[in-house]
Protein backbone atom coordinates (compact mmCIF):
# COMPACT_ATOMS: atom_id res chain seq x y z
CA UNK A 1 14.75 15.77 18.33
CA UNK A 2 15.47 16.72 15.02
CA UNK A 3 12.89 17.82 12.71
CA UNK A 4 15.08 17.30 9.50
CA UNK A 5 13.05 15.49 6.89
CA UNK A 6 14.49 12.18 5.09
CA UNK A 7 12.27 10.11 2.82
CA UNK A 8 11.95 6.63 4.10
CA UNK A 9 11.18 3.37 2.04
CA UNK A 10 8.86 1.38 4.81
CA UNK A 11 7.25 -2.27 4.14
CA UNK A 12 4.67 -3.84 6.24
CA UNK A 13 4.27 -7.56 5.05
CA UNK A 14 3.74 -10.76 6.40
CA UNK A 15 0.88 -13.38 6.05
CA UNK A 16 -0.80 -11.89 9.49
CA UNK A 17 -3.68 -9.28 9.48
CA UNK A 18 -3.17 -5.34 9.85
CA UNK A 19 -0.41 -4.34 6.66
CA UNK A 20 -3.15 -1.63 5.56
CA UNK A 21 -3.90 -0.90 8.57
CA UNK A 22 -0.39 0.15 10.10
CA UNK A 23 -0.30 1.97 6.98
CA UNK A 24 -3.16 3.87 7.56
CA UNK A 25 -2.13 4.89 11.28
CA UNK A 26 1.00 6.22 9.89
CA UNK A 27 -0.55 7.84 7.34
CA UNK A 28 -2.74 10.00 10.44
CA UNK A 29 0.41 10.38 11.98
CA UNK A 30 1.61 12.21 8.90
CA UNK A 31 -1.85 13.97 8.53
CA UNK A 32 -1.57 15.61 12.57
CA UNK A 33 2.42 16.60 11.81
CA UNK A 34 1.18 18.60 8.24
CA UNK A 35 2.50 16.33 6.07
CA UNK A 36 0.36 15.51 2.82
CA UNK A 37 -0.50 11.66 2.07
CA UNK A 38 -1.47 9.98 -0.65
CA UNK A 39 -2.79 6.03 -1.42
CA UNK A 40 -3.04 3.77 -3.95
CA UNK A 41 -4.50 1.01 -3.73
CA UNK A 42 -3.19 -1.74 -6.51
CA UNK A 43 -5.17 -4.89 -5.56
CA UNK A 44 -8.21 -3.54 -4.06
CA UNK A 45 -11.11 -1.92 -5.74
CA UNK A 46 -14.23 -3.48 -5.97
CA UNK A 47 -15.90 -2.76 -2.87
CA UNK A 48 -15.75 -0.19 -0.98
CA UNK A 49 -13.86 -0.32 2.48
CA UNK A 50 -15.21 1.49 5.31
CA UNK A 51 -11.45 3.07 5.83
CA UNK A 52 -12.75 5.29 2.46
CA UNK A 53 -15.85 7.20 4.69
CA UNK A 54 -13.14 7.43 7.90
CA UNK A 55 -10.03 8.71 6.10
CA UNK A 56 -12.32 11.72 3.83
CA UNK A 57 -12.30 12.93 7.39
CA UNK A 58 -8.93 13.73 7.35
CA UNK A 59 -9.46 16.63 4.97
CA UNK A 60 -7.34 17.40 1.93
CA UNK A 61 -4.15 16.37 3.28
CA UNK A 62 -4.78 12.58 2.69
CA UNK A 63 -6.00 11.35 -0.67
CA UNK A 64 -6.61 7.74 -1.62
CA UNK A 65 -7.62 5.84 -5.18
CA UNK A 66 -7.97 2.00 -5.77
CA UNK A 67 -7.41 1.11 -8.80
CA UNK A 68 -7.00 -2.38 -8.59
CA UNK A 69 -9.95 -4.94 -9.36
CA UNK A 70 -9.97 -6.72 -6.60
CA UNK A 71 -8.98 -10.57 -6.11
CA UNK A 72 -6.34 -11.70 -8.45
CA UNK A 73 -6.26 -15.45 -7.22
CA UNK A 74 -9.15 -16.28 -4.96
CA UNK A 75 -12.37 -16.40 -6.66
CA UNK A 76 -11.35 -14.03 -9.19
CA UNK A 77 -14.19 -11.68 -11.13
CA UNK A 78 -11.98 -10.49 -13.71
CA UNK A 79 -9.48 -12.58 -16.17
CA UNK A 80 -5.44 -12.69 -15.16
CA UNK A 81 -5.36 -9.87 -18.17
CA UNK A 82 -7.34 -7.41 -16.83
CA UNK A 83 -5.68 -7.59 -13.32
CA UNK A 84 -2.12 -7.21 -15.27
CA UNK A 85 -3.20 -4.15 -16.76
CA UNK A 86 -4.85 -2.24 -14.01
CA UNK A 87 -1.51 -3.06 -12.02
CA UNK A 88 0.81 -1.77 -14.53
CA UNK A 89 -1.58 1.29 -15.30
CA UNK A 90 -1.27 1.40 -11.04
CA UNK A 91 2.03 1.58 -11.35
CA UNK A 92 2.43 4.36 -14.09
CA UNK A 93 0.48 6.47 -11.92
CA UNK A 94 2.37 5.89 -8.88
CA UNK A 95 5.57 6.70 -10.59
CA UNK A 96 4.34 9.87 -11.83
CA UNK A 97 2.98 10.63 -8.13
CA UNK A 98 6.79 9.84 -6.92
CA UNK A 99 8.02 12.36 -9.06
CA UNK A 100 5.04 14.59 -8.48
CA UNK A 101 5.74 16.31 -5.16
CA UNK A 102 2.53 16.56 -4.63
CA UNK A 103 2.57 14.77 -1.14
CA UNK A 104 5.30 13.87 1.64
CA UNK A 105 3.96 10.07 2.36
CA UNK A 106 2.90 7.82 -0.70
CA UNK A 107 1.36 4.77 0.04
CA UNK A 108 1.36 1.77 -2.15
CA UNK A 109 -1.10 -0.66 -0.63
CA UNK A 110 -0.59 -4.48 -1.86
CA UNK A 111 1.99 -3.64 -3.66
CA UNK A 112 3.58 -6.72 -2.78
CA UNK A 113 0.77 -8.78 -3.88
CA UNK A 114 1.02 -7.09 -6.99
CA UNK A 115 5.00 -8.46 -7.02
CA UNK A 116 3.40 -12.13 -5.49
CA UNK A 117 0.91 -12.40 -8.57
CA UNK A 118 3.33 -11.81 -11.46
CA UNK A 119 1.60 -8.55 -12.15
CA UNK A 120 4.52 -6.49 -11.49
CA UNK A 121 8.52 -6.77 -11.47
CA UNK A 122 10.54 -5.19 -8.62
CA UNK A 123 13.18 -4.50 -10.61
CA UNK A 124 11.58 -1.65 -11.92
CA UNK A 125 9.65 -0.70 -9.42
CA UNK A 126 13.48 -0.78 -7.09
CA UNK A 127 14.93 1.84 -10.02
CA UNK A 128 11.90 4.62 -9.43
CA UNK A 129 12.34 4.12 -5.69
CA UNK A 130 16.03 5.01 -5.53
CA UNK A 131 15.40 7.91 -8.21
CA UNK A 132 12.41 9.46 -6.20
CA UNK A 133 12.56 12.72 -4.49
CA UNK A 134 15.32 12.22 -0.94
CA UNK A 135 12.60 13.66 1.28
CA UNK A 136 9.44 11.32 -0.18
CA UNK A 137 8.51 8.63 2.50
CA UNK A 138 7.19 5.32 0.38
CA UNK A 139 5.05 2.64 2.56
CA UNK A 140 4.48 -0.63 0.62
CA UNK A 141 2.21 -3.24 1.68
CA UNK A 142 1.59 -6.41 1.37
CA UNK A 143 2.19 -10.47 1.68
CA UNK A 144 5.14 -11.82 0.39
CA UNK A 145 7.45 -9.05 -0.43
CA UNK A 146 9.93 -10.01 -2.59
CA UNK A 147 13.85 -10.16 -0.75
CA UNK A 148 14.63 -7.01 -2.96
CA UNK A 149 12.29 -4.66 -1.31
CA UNK A 150 13.33 -5.99 1.91
CA UNK A 151 16.58 -5.20 0.95
CA UNK A 152 16.54 -1.61 -0.27
CA UNK A 153 13.41 -0.71 2.22
CA UNK A 154 14.95 1.34 5.90
CA UNK A 155 11.97 -0.39 7.97
CA UNK A 156 10.78 -3.33 7.69
CA UNK A 157 7.93 -4.86 9.55
CA UNK A 158 6.43 -8.78 9.34
CA UNK A 159 2.68 -9.39 10.68
CA UNK A 160 2.64 -12.86 11.31
CA UNK A 161 -0.41 -14.71 12.28
CA UNK A 162 -1.10 -16.51 15.47
CA UNK A 163 -4.93 -16.63 15.12
CA UNK A 164 -7.50 -14.96 13.26
CA UNK A 165 -11.41 -15.60 13.87
CA UNK A 166 -11.40 -16.25 10.12
CA UNK A 167 -10.04 -19.59 11.15
CA UNK A 168 -13.01 -20.61 13.26
CA UNK A 169 -14.90 -19.40 10.73
CA UNK A 170 -15.89 -15.70 11.28
CA UNK A 171 -16.56 -13.86 8.39
CA UNK A 172 -14.08 -10.08 7.68
CA UNK A 173 -15.94 -7.74 10.14
CA UNK A 174 -17.17 -4.54 8.30
CA UNK A 175 -15.62 -1.52 10.17
CA UNK A 176 -13.08 -4.01 11.98
CA UNK A 177 -11.30 -5.83 8.68
CA UNK A 178 -12.36 -3.57 5.71
């Protein structure tokens, strides 16, 4: 098996649960291989999911920052314009981090939702992805990845929901769902 490093563009999308979880699993594997991982969350931000505590145990090879304001369309606490500002600021930070060389893997969590809600334009993101250092792996998560993102990605996994406890009235479970 070769150890040649080539950065990939990985997209986890679909209506099923598990997109962020898959990205976090990749992060654990990458840290185990000695890689540096950074995660920027584009939508999440108001509440503190359990992964924040668990990921802190990975040490200085993993860092995460919540840059969003929470739900954009489902019972939003902030006006759309504030979400737009937060997403654009998160994207500016992501562009800087893509070029910084400070990490080997950069996870842009829920960026596909930012496209879906009209907070970001995929065209500018694609240009930055194509201009990134060749060894940087990018992971893009979130429902509704636009076709142009699917086209440039090296790996696309679609999570499909077959059954979810929420459909039976079971609320999201701390430590399992968030």
